[in-house]
N, C-alpha and C. Protein backbone atom coordinates (compact mmCIF):
# COMPACT_ATOMS: atom_id res chain seq x y z
N MET A 1 0.85 -1.18 0.00
CA MET A 1 0.00 0.00 0.00
C MET A 1 0.90 1.24 0.00
N LYS A 2 0.54 2.21 -0.84
CA LYS A 2 1.31 3.44 -0.92
C LYS A 2 1.22 4.19 0.40
N HIS A 3 2.30 4.92 0.66
CA HIS A 3 2.37 5.67 1.92
C HIS A 3 1.24 6.69 2.04
N SER A 4 0.93 7.39 1.00
CA SER A 4 -0.12 8.43 1.05
C SER A 4 -1.49 7.80 1.32
N LYS A 5 -1.75 6.65 0.70
CA LYS A 5 -3.02 5.96 0.92
C LYS A 5 -3.08 5.42 2.35
N ARG A 6 -1.95 4.89 2.81
CA ARG A 6 -1.87 4.37 4.18
C ARG A 6 -2.11 5.50 5.19
N LEU A 7 -1.48 6.64 4.94
CA LEU A 7 -1.64 7.79 5.83
C LEU A 7 -3.09 8.28 5.85
N ALA A 8 -3.73 8.34 4.69
CA ALA A 8 -5.13 8.77 4.62
C ALA A 8 -6.03 7.80 5.37
N LEU A 9 -5.79 6.50 5.22
CA LEU A 9 -6.58 5.50 5.92
C LEU A 9 -6.35 5.59 7.43
N PHE A 10 -5.10 5.81 7.82
CA PHE A 10 -4.78 5.96 9.25
C PHE A 10 -5.52 7.15 9.85
N GLU A 11 -5.49 8.28 9.16
CA GLU A 11 -6.19 9.48 9.65
C GLU A 11 -7.69 9.24 9.75
N LYS A 12 -8.25 8.54 8.79
CA LYS A 12 -9.68 8.23 8.80
C LYS A 12 -10.03 7.35 10.00
N VAL A 13 -9.26 6.29 10.20
CA VAL A 13 -9.51 5.37 11.31
C VAL A 13 -9.31 6.09 12.65
N LYS A 14 -8.24 6.87 12.75
CA LYS A 14 -7.95 7.60 13.98
C LYS A 14 -9.09 8.56 14.33
N THR A 15 -9.57 9.27 13.34
CA THR A 15 -10.67 10.22 13.56
C THR A 15 -11.95 9.50 13.95
N GLU A 16 -12.24 8.42 13.27
CA GLU A 16 -13.48 7.69 13.51
C GLU A 16 -13.51 6.99 14.86
N TYR A 17 -12.37 6.47 15.31
CA TYR A 17 -12.35 5.65 16.53
C TYR A 17 -11.62 6.31 17.70
N ALA A 18 -11.29 7.59 17.62
CA ALA A 18 -10.55 8.26 18.69
C ALA A 18 -11.30 8.21 20.02
N GLY A 19 -12.58 8.52 20.01
CA GLY A 19 -13.36 8.49 21.25
C GLY A 19 -13.45 7.10 21.83
N PHE A 20 -13.71 6.13 21.00
CA PHE A 20 -13.79 4.74 21.44
C PHE A 20 -12.47 4.29 22.04
N LEU A 21 -11.37 4.59 21.36
CA LEU A 21 -10.04 4.19 21.83
C LEU A 21 -9.71 4.87 23.16
N ALA A 22 -9.98 6.16 23.27
CA ALA A 22 -9.71 6.88 24.51
C ALA A 22 -10.54 6.31 25.65
N SER A 23 -11.78 6.02 25.40
CA SER A 23 -12.66 5.45 26.43
C SER A 23 -12.15 4.10 26.92
N VAL A 24 -11.80 3.23 26.00
CA VAL A 24 -11.30 1.90 26.36
C VAL A 24 -10.00 2.01 27.15
N LEU A 25 -9.08 2.84 26.66
CA LEU A 25 -7.78 2.96 27.33
C LEU A 25 -7.91 3.57 28.72
N TRP A 26 -8.80 4.56 28.86
CA TRP A 26 -8.96 5.16 30.19
C TRP A 26 -9.53 4.15 31.18
N LYS A 27 -10.49 3.36 30.73
CA LYS A 27 -11.07 2.33 31.61
C LYS A 27 -10.03 1.29 31.98
N LEU A 28 -9.13 0.98 31.07
CA LEU A 28 -8.10 -0.02 31.34
C LEU A 28 -6.99 0.52 32.24
N THR A 29 -6.57 1.75 32.00
CA THR A 29 -5.41 2.27 32.73
C THR A 29 -5.80 3.01 34.00
N GLY A 30 -6.73 3.94 33.90
CA GLY A 30 -7.15 4.72 35.06
C GLY A 30 -6.08 5.66 35.58
N ASP A 31 -5.05 5.90 34.79
CA ASP A 31 -3.93 6.71 35.23
C ASP A 31 -3.49 7.56 34.04
N LYS A 32 -3.22 8.83 34.29
CA LYS A 32 -2.90 9.76 33.21
C LYS A 32 -1.63 9.35 32.46
N GLU A 33 -0.59 8.98 33.17
CA GLU A 33 0.67 8.60 32.53
C GLU A 33 0.53 7.30 31.74
N LEU A 34 -0.11 6.32 32.36
CA LEU A 34 -0.32 5.04 31.67
C LEU A 34 -1.20 5.22 30.45
N PHE A 35 -2.22 6.06 30.60
CA PHE A 35 -3.12 6.34 29.48
C PHE A 35 -2.34 6.91 28.30
N ALA A 36 -1.50 7.91 28.56
CA ALA A 36 -0.73 8.53 27.49
C ALA A 36 0.19 7.52 26.81
N GLU A 37 0.85 6.70 27.62
CA GLU A 37 1.75 5.70 27.05
C GLU A 37 0.98 4.65 26.24
N ALA A 38 -0.14 4.19 26.80
CA ALA A 38 -0.95 3.20 26.09
C ALA A 38 -1.53 3.78 24.81
N MET A 39 -1.87 5.06 24.82
CA MET A 39 -2.39 5.71 23.61
C MET A 39 -1.31 5.71 22.52
N GLN A 40 -0.08 5.99 22.90
CA GLN A 40 1.01 5.97 21.91
C GLN A 40 1.19 4.58 21.32
N TYR A 41 1.19 3.56 22.19
CA TYR A 41 1.30 2.19 21.70
C TYR A 41 0.11 1.83 20.79
N SER A 42 -1.08 2.32 21.15
CA SER A 42 -2.27 2.03 20.34
C SER A 42 -2.18 2.66 18.96
N LEU A 43 -1.75 3.91 18.92
CA LEU A 43 -1.62 4.58 17.62
C LEU A 43 -0.57 3.89 16.76
N LEU A 44 0.49 3.43 17.39
CA LEU A 44 1.50 2.67 16.65
C LEU A 44 0.89 1.37 16.12
N GLY A 45 0.12 0.69 16.95
CA GLY A 45 -0.55 -0.54 16.52
C GLY A 45 -1.53 -0.31 15.40
N ILE A 46 -2.26 0.78 15.48
CA ILE A 46 -3.20 1.12 14.40
C ILE A 46 -2.43 1.37 13.10
N TRP A 47 -1.32 2.09 13.20
CA TRP A 47 -0.50 2.35 12.01
C TRP A 47 0.01 1.05 11.40
N GLN A 48 0.46 0.14 12.26
CA GLN A 48 1.03 -1.11 11.76
C GLN A 48 -0.02 -2.01 11.10
N HIS A 49 -1.26 -1.94 11.57
CA HIS A 49 -2.31 -2.83 11.08
C HIS A 49 -3.44 -2.08 10.38
N VAL A 50 -3.14 -0.92 9.84
CA VAL A 50 -4.17 -0.07 9.27
C VAL A 50 -4.93 -0.74 8.12
N GLU A 51 -4.29 -1.66 7.41
CA GLU A 51 -4.98 -2.33 6.30
C GLU A 51 -6.17 -3.16 6.77
N LYS A 52 -6.08 -3.68 7.99
CA LYS A 52 -7.15 -4.53 8.53
C LYS A 52 -8.31 -3.72 9.11
N LEU A 53 -8.13 -2.42 9.21
CA LEU A 53 -9.09 -1.60 9.96
C LEU A 53 -10.09 -0.84 9.09
N ASN A 54 -10.37 -1.34 7.90
CA ASN A 54 -11.34 -0.63 7.06
C ASN A 54 -12.63 -1.41 6.85
N GLY A 55 -12.83 -2.46 7.60
CA GLY A 55 -14.04 -3.26 7.45
C GLY A 55 -14.96 -3.14 8.66
N ARG A 56 -15.92 -4.07 8.71
CA ARG A 56 -16.90 -4.08 9.82
C ARG A 56 -16.23 -4.40 11.15
N LYS A 57 -15.14 -5.14 11.11
CA LYS A 57 -14.51 -5.60 12.34
C LYS A 57 -13.44 -4.64 12.87
N ALA A 58 -13.41 -3.42 12.34
CA ALA A 58 -12.39 -2.46 12.75
C ALA A 58 -12.44 -2.19 14.26
N GLY A 59 -13.64 -2.07 14.81
CA GLY A 59 -13.78 -1.83 16.24
C GLY A 59 -13.18 -2.94 17.08
N SER A 60 -13.37 -4.18 16.63
CA SER A 60 -12.81 -5.33 17.34
C SER A 60 -11.29 -5.32 17.29
N TYR A 61 -10.73 -5.00 16.12
CA TYR A 61 -9.28 -4.90 15.99
C TYR A 61 -8.72 -3.80 16.89
N ILE A 62 -9.39 -2.68 16.90
CA ILE A 62 -8.93 -1.55 17.71
C ILE A 62 -9.02 -1.89 19.19
N TYR A 63 -10.06 -2.58 19.58
CA TYR A 63 -10.17 -3.01 20.98
C TYR A 63 -9.00 -3.92 21.34
N ARG A 64 -8.68 -4.85 20.46
CA ARG A 64 -7.56 -5.77 20.70
C ARG A 64 -6.24 -5.01 20.75
N ILE A 65 -6.07 -4.02 19.87
CA ILE A 65 -4.87 -3.19 19.89
C ILE A 65 -4.78 -2.44 21.22
N ALA A 66 -5.90 -1.93 21.71
CA ALA A 66 -5.93 -1.21 22.99
C ALA A 66 -5.53 -2.13 24.14
N LEU A 67 -6.03 -3.36 24.14
CA LEU A 67 -5.65 -4.32 25.19
C LEU A 67 -4.16 -4.59 25.19
N THR A 68 -3.61 -4.79 24.00
CA THR A 68 -2.17 -5.04 23.87
C THR A 68 -1.37 -3.82 24.32
N ALA A 69 -1.81 -2.64 23.92
CA ALA A 69 -1.12 -1.41 24.30
C ALA A 69 -1.16 -1.21 25.81
N ASN A 70 -2.29 -1.52 26.43
CA ASN A 70 -2.39 -1.43 27.88
C ASN A 70 -1.40 -2.37 28.55
N SER A 71 -1.31 -3.58 28.05
CA SER A 71 -0.36 -4.55 28.62
C SER A 71 1.07 -4.05 28.49
N LYS A 72 1.41 -3.49 27.34
CA LYS A 72 2.76 -2.97 27.15
C LYS A 72 3.05 -1.82 28.10
N ALA A 73 2.08 -0.92 28.27
CA ALA A 73 2.28 0.22 29.16
C ALA A 73 2.48 -0.24 30.60
N TRP A 74 1.67 -1.20 31.04
CA TRP A 74 1.83 -1.73 32.40
C TRP A 74 3.16 -2.45 32.54
N ARG A 75 3.54 -3.21 31.53
CA ARG A 75 4.82 -3.93 31.57
C ARG A 75 5.98 -2.95 31.67
N ASP A 76 5.87 -1.82 30.96
CA ASP A 76 6.90 -0.79 31.05
C ASP A 76 6.96 -0.19 32.45
N ARG A 77 5.80 -0.05 33.07
CA ARG A 77 5.77 0.55 34.40
C ARG A 77 6.30 -0.40 35.46
N ILE A 78 5.85 -1.64 35.44
CA ILE A 78 6.23 -2.54 36.53
C ILE A 78 7.39 -3.46 36.18
N GLY A 79 7.77 -3.52 34.93
CA GLY A 79 8.87 -4.39 34.53
C GLY A 79 8.40 -5.81 34.34
N ARG A 80 9.22 -6.58 33.71
CA ARG A 80 8.85 -7.97 33.42
C ARG A 80 8.83 -8.82 34.68
N ASP A 81 9.57 -8.40 35.72
CA ASP A 81 9.62 -9.19 36.94
C ASP A 81 8.45 -8.90 37.88
N GLY A 82 7.59 -7.93 37.52
CA GLY A 82 6.42 -7.62 38.33
C GLY A 82 6.68 -6.65 39.46
N GLN A 83 7.84 -6.05 39.50
CA GLN A 83 8.19 -5.10 40.56
C GLN A 83 8.01 -3.68 40.06
N ILE A 84 7.27 -2.88 40.80
CA ILE A 84 7.05 -1.49 40.44
C ILE A 84 8.32 -0.71 40.74
N SER A 85 8.75 0.10 39.79
CA SER A 85 9.97 0.88 39.99
C SER A 85 9.72 1.96 41.04
N GLU A 86 10.80 2.40 41.68
CA GLU A 86 10.68 3.41 42.73
C GLU A 86 10.13 4.73 42.21
N ALA A 87 10.33 5.00 40.93
CA ALA A 87 9.84 6.25 40.34
C ALA A 87 8.32 6.31 40.33
N HIS A 88 7.64 5.16 40.38
CA HIS A 88 6.18 5.14 40.30
C HIS A 88 5.51 4.81 41.63
N VAL A 89 6.28 4.71 42.69
CA VAL A 89 5.71 4.38 44.00
C VAL A 89 5.34 5.68 44.70
N GLY A 90 4.22 5.67 45.41
CA GLY A 90 3.81 6.83 46.18
C GLY A 90 2.79 7.68 45.46
N VAL A 91 2.28 8.64 46.20
CA VAL A 91 1.26 9.53 45.66
C VAL A 91 1.93 10.81 45.20
N ASP A 92 1.49 11.32 44.10
CA ASP A 92 2.01 12.58 43.58
C ASP A 92 1.75 13.67 44.61
N GLY A 93 2.80 14.37 45.01
CA GLY A 93 2.69 15.40 46.04
C GLY A 93 1.77 16.53 45.65
N ALA A 94 1.83 16.95 44.39
CA ALA A 94 0.98 18.05 43.93
C ALA A 94 -0.49 17.65 43.97
N ALA A 95 -0.78 16.42 43.58
CA ALA A 95 -2.17 15.95 43.60
C ALA A 95 -2.68 15.86 45.03
N GLN A 96 -1.84 15.36 45.92
CA GLN A 96 -2.23 15.24 47.32
C GLN A 96 -2.47 16.63 47.92
N GLU A 97 -1.63 17.59 47.56
CA GLU A 97 -1.79 18.95 48.06
C GLU A 97 -3.09 19.56 47.56
N LYS A 98 -3.46 19.29 46.31
CA LYS A 98 -4.72 19.80 45.76
C LYS A 98 -5.91 19.22 46.53
N ILE A 99 -5.84 17.95 46.87
CA ILE A 99 -6.93 17.32 47.62
C ILE A 99 -7.06 17.95 48.99
N VAL A 100 -5.93 18.13 49.68
CA VAL A 100 -5.95 18.74 51.01
C VAL A 100 -6.51 20.17 50.93
N ASN A 101 -6.06 20.94 49.93
CA ASN A 101 -6.55 22.31 49.77
C ASN A 101 -8.04 22.34 49.48
N ALA A 102 -8.52 21.40 48.67
CA ALA A 102 -9.95 21.35 48.35
C ALA A 102 -10.77 21.03 49.60
N GLU A 103 -10.28 20.12 50.42
CA GLU A 103 -10.98 19.78 51.67
C GLU A 103 -10.98 20.96 52.63
N LEU A 104 -9.84 21.63 52.72
CA LEU A 104 -9.73 22.80 53.60
C LEU A 104 -10.67 23.90 53.14
N THR A 105 -10.72 24.16 51.85
CA THR A 105 -11.60 25.18 51.29
C THR A 105 -13.06 24.84 51.58
N ALA A 106 -13.43 23.59 51.42
CA ALA A 106 -14.81 23.17 51.69
C ALA A 106 -15.15 23.38 53.16
N ASN A 107 -14.23 23.05 54.05
CA ASN A 107 -14.47 23.24 55.49
C ASN A 107 -14.61 24.72 55.84
N VAL A 108 -13.77 25.57 55.27
CA VAL A 108 -13.86 27.01 55.54
C VAL A 108 -15.17 27.58 55.00
N ARG A 109 -15.55 27.17 53.81
CA ARG A 109 -16.83 27.65 53.25
C ARG A 109 -18.01 27.21 54.12
N ARG A 110 -17.97 25.98 54.57
CA ARG A 110 -19.04 25.47 55.44
C ARG A 110 -19.10 26.29 56.74
N ALA A 111 -17.93 26.58 57.31
CA ALA A 111 -17.89 27.35 58.55
C ALA A 111 -18.38 28.77 58.32
N ILE A 112 -18.03 29.37 57.21
CA ILE A 112 -18.50 30.73 56.90
C ILE A 112 -20.02 30.74 56.72
N SER A 113 -20.56 29.71 56.13
CA SER A 113 -22.02 29.65 55.93
C SER A 113 -22.78 29.54 57.25
N GLN A 114 -22.10 29.11 58.30
CA GLN A 114 -22.74 28.98 59.61
C GLN A 114 -22.66 30.26 60.44
N LEU A 115 -21.94 31.27 59.95
CA LEU A 115 -21.86 32.55 60.65
C LEU A 115 -23.15 33.34 60.43
N SER A 116 -23.33 34.38 61.24
CA SER A 116 -24.47 35.27 61.02
C SER A 116 -24.28 35.94 59.66
N PRO A 117 -25.37 36.35 59.03
CA PRO A 117 -25.24 36.95 57.68
C PRO A 117 -24.29 38.14 57.62
N LYS A 118 -24.33 39.02 58.64
CA LYS A 118 -23.44 40.19 58.64
C LYS A 118 -21.99 39.77 58.79
N GLN A 119 -21.73 38.82 59.70
CA GLN A 119 -20.35 38.36 59.91
C GLN A 119 -19.82 37.65 58.67
N ALA A 120 -20.66 36.84 58.06
CA ALA A 120 -20.23 36.11 56.86
C ALA A 120 -19.90 37.10 55.74
N ARG A 121 -20.77 38.07 55.55
CA ARG A 121 -20.54 39.06 54.49
C ARG A 121 -19.29 39.88 54.80
N ALA A 122 -19.09 40.25 56.07
CA ALA A 122 -17.93 41.05 56.47
C ALA A 122 -16.62 40.29 56.23
N ILE A 123 -16.58 39.01 56.58
CA ILE A 123 -15.35 38.23 56.42
C ILE A 123 -15.05 37.99 54.93
N VAL A 124 -16.09 37.78 54.14
CA VAL A 124 -15.89 37.59 52.71
C VAL A 124 -15.37 38.87 52.07
N MET A 125 -15.99 39.99 52.42
CA MET A 125 -15.55 41.27 51.84
C MET A 125 -14.11 41.60 52.26
N ARG A 126 -13.76 41.32 53.52
CA ARG A 126 -12.44 41.69 54.02
C ARG A 126 -11.34 40.80 53.44
N TYR A 127 -11.51 39.49 53.48
CA TYR A 127 -10.41 38.60 53.14
C TYR A 127 -10.49 38.00 51.74
N LEU A 128 -11.66 37.85 51.18
CA LEU A 128 -11.76 37.31 49.83
C LEU A 128 -11.82 38.41 48.78
N GLU A 129 -12.57 39.46 49.08
CA GLU A 129 -12.69 40.56 48.14
C GLU A 129 -11.67 41.66 48.40
N GLN A 130 -10.91 41.53 49.50
CA GLN A 130 -9.83 42.46 49.85
C GLN A 130 -10.32 43.91 49.98
N GLN A 131 -11.48 44.09 50.61
CA GLN A 131 -12.04 45.44 50.77
C GLN A 131 -11.59 46.02 52.11
N GLY A 132 -11.53 47.34 52.15
CA GLY A 132 -11.19 48.04 53.38
C GLY A 132 -12.42 48.14 54.30
N TYR A 133 -12.16 48.51 55.56
CA TYR A 133 -13.25 48.60 56.54
C TYR A 133 -14.27 49.69 56.16
N GLU A 134 -13.83 50.73 55.53
CA GLU A 134 -14.74 51.80 55.11
C GLU A 134 -15.76 51.26 54.10
N ASP A 135 -15.29 50.48 53.12
CA ASP A 135 -16.19 49.88 52.12
C ASP A 135 -17.11 48.84 52.75
N ILE A 136 -16.56 48.05 53.66
CA ILE A 136 -17.37 47.03 54.35
C ILE A 136 -18.50 47.71 55.13
N ALA A 137 -18.15 48.79 55.84
CA ALA A 137 -19.16 49.52 56.62
C ALA A 137 -20.26 50.06 55.70
N ARG A 138 -19.87 50.61 54.59
CA ARG A 138 -20.85 51.15 53.64
C ARG A 138 -21.77 50.04 53.13
N ASN A 139 -21.21 48.88 52.77
CA ASN A 139 -22.01 47.77 52.24
C ASN A 139 -22.91 47.14 53.29
N LEU A 140 -22.45 47.11 54.55
CA LEU A 140 -23.25 46.51 55.61
C LEU A 140 -24.21 47.51 56.26
N GLY A 141 -24.02 48.77 55.95
CA GLY A 141 -24.89 49.80 56.53
C GLY A 141 -24.62 50.00 58.01
N CYS A 142 -23.34 50.01 58.38
CA CYS A 142 -22.97 50.22 59.78
C CYS A 142 -21.76 51.14 59.83
N SER A 143 -21.30 51.42 61.04
CA SER A 143 -20.12 52.27 61.19
C SER A 143 -18.86 51.45 60.88
N GLU A 144 -17.74 52.15 60.75
CA GLU A 144 -16.47 51.47 60.50
C GLU A 144 -16.11 50.59 61.70
N ALA A 145 -16.42 51.07 62.90
CA ALA A 145 -16.17 50.28 64.11
C ALA A 145 -17.04 49.02 64.10
N GLY A 146 -18.26 49.13 63.60
CA GLY A 146 -19.14 47.97 63.49
C GLY A 146 -18.61 46.97 62.49
N ALA A 147 -18.04 47.47 61.40
CA ALA A 147 -17.44 46.58 60.39
C ALA A 147 -16.26 45.83 61.00
N ARG A 148 -15.41 46.57 61.74
CA ARG A 148 -14.27 45.92 62.41
C ARG A 148 -14.75 44.87 63.42
N SER A 149 -15.81 45.19 64.13
CA SER A 149 -16.36 44.27 65.11
C SER A 149 -16.89 43.00 64.44
N ASN A 150 -17.62 43.18 63.34
CA ASN A 150 -18.15 42.01 62.61
C ASN A 150 -17.03 41.11 62.09
N VAL A 151 -15.99 41.71 61.55
CA VAL A 151 -14.85 40.93 61.05
C VAL A 151 -14.17 40.22 62.21
N SER A 152 -13.96 40.92 63.30
CA SER A 152 -13.30 40.34 64.47
C SER A 152 -14.10 39.17 65.05
N LYS A 153 -15.40 39.35 65.20
CA LYS A 153 -16.25 38.28 65.72
C LYS A 153 -16.29 37.09 64.76
N ALA A 154 -16.32 37.38 63.47
CA ALA A 154 -16.32 36.31 62.47
C ALA A 154 -15.03 35.50 62.56
N LEU A 155 -13.90 36.19 62.69
CA LEU A 155 -12.62 35.49 62.83
C LEU A 155 -12.60 34.62 64.08
N ALA A 156 -13.11 35.16 65.18
CA ALA A 156 -13.14 34.39 66.43
C ALA A 156 -14.01 33.14 66.27
N ASN A 157 -15.17 33.29 65.64
CA ASN A 157 -16.05 32.13 65.41
C ASN A 157 -15.39 31.10 64.49
N LEU A 158 -14.73 31.59 63.45
CA LEU A 158 -14.05 30.67 62.53
C LEU A 158 -12.90 29.94 63.22
N ARG A 159 -12.16 30.63 64.06
CA ARG A 159 -11.08 29.97 64.81
C ARG A 159 -11.64 28.89 65.70
N ALA A 160 -12.77 29.17 66.33
CA ALA A 160 -13.39 28.18 67.20
C ALA A 160 -13.87 26.96 66.40
N LYS A 161 -14.45 27.20 65.24
CA LYS A 161 -14.98 26.10 64.42
C LYS A 161 -13.89 25.33 63.69
N LEU A 162 -12.83 26.04 63.29
CA LEU A 162 -11.79 25.42 62.47
C LEU A 162 -10.48 25.23 63.24
N GLY A 163 -10.50 25.39 64.53
CA GLY A 163 -9.28 25.32 65.33
C GLY A 163 -8.49 24.04 65.18
N ASN A 164 -9.17 22.92 64.93
CA ASN A 164 -8.49 21.63 64.83
C ASN A 164 -7.90 21.36 63.45
N LEU A 165 -8.18 22.24 62.48
CA LEU A 165 -7.64 22.05 61.13
C LEU A 165 -6.24 22.60 61.03
N THR A 166 -5.39 21.92 60.28
CA THR A 166 -4.03 22.41 60.04
C THR A 166 -3.87 22.70 58.57
N VAL A 167 -3.07 23.68 58.26
CA VAL A 167 -2.83 24.06 56.87
C VAL A 167 -1.55 23.42 56.39
């Protein structure tokens, strides 16, 4: 088969089955790095067997290619002896930090929602919207001293509710 015809057929198959292939590989790997590696192996497999992929059974061939690619990706990760390399052991620190930050944010939002409406609005305006006490007082319809009091009381309540949390 001529290279140009092979390339056109490859592009057609890749376009037609990209979603199916991605879905199968993600279900098999469940990991971003493994998925990327298995996708590369799959595309290579599709290129190598592109002549077989223009009939009714193309989906079956692609599924089989995806299974083989998944096996190769896992074999690369754990090695032929079945031992996971030290580079792949443990949890990604950045991902773990994102999870902790998301939990902390949810707890702070929950605690703010339990404050009185004026205190909640005052703490949001002061620390999230970075507004001065003069603006907070104007928005809450109170004096500047009242705005400071609302922020102070809100902080005290939040410390009491969130005291056991660590950042």
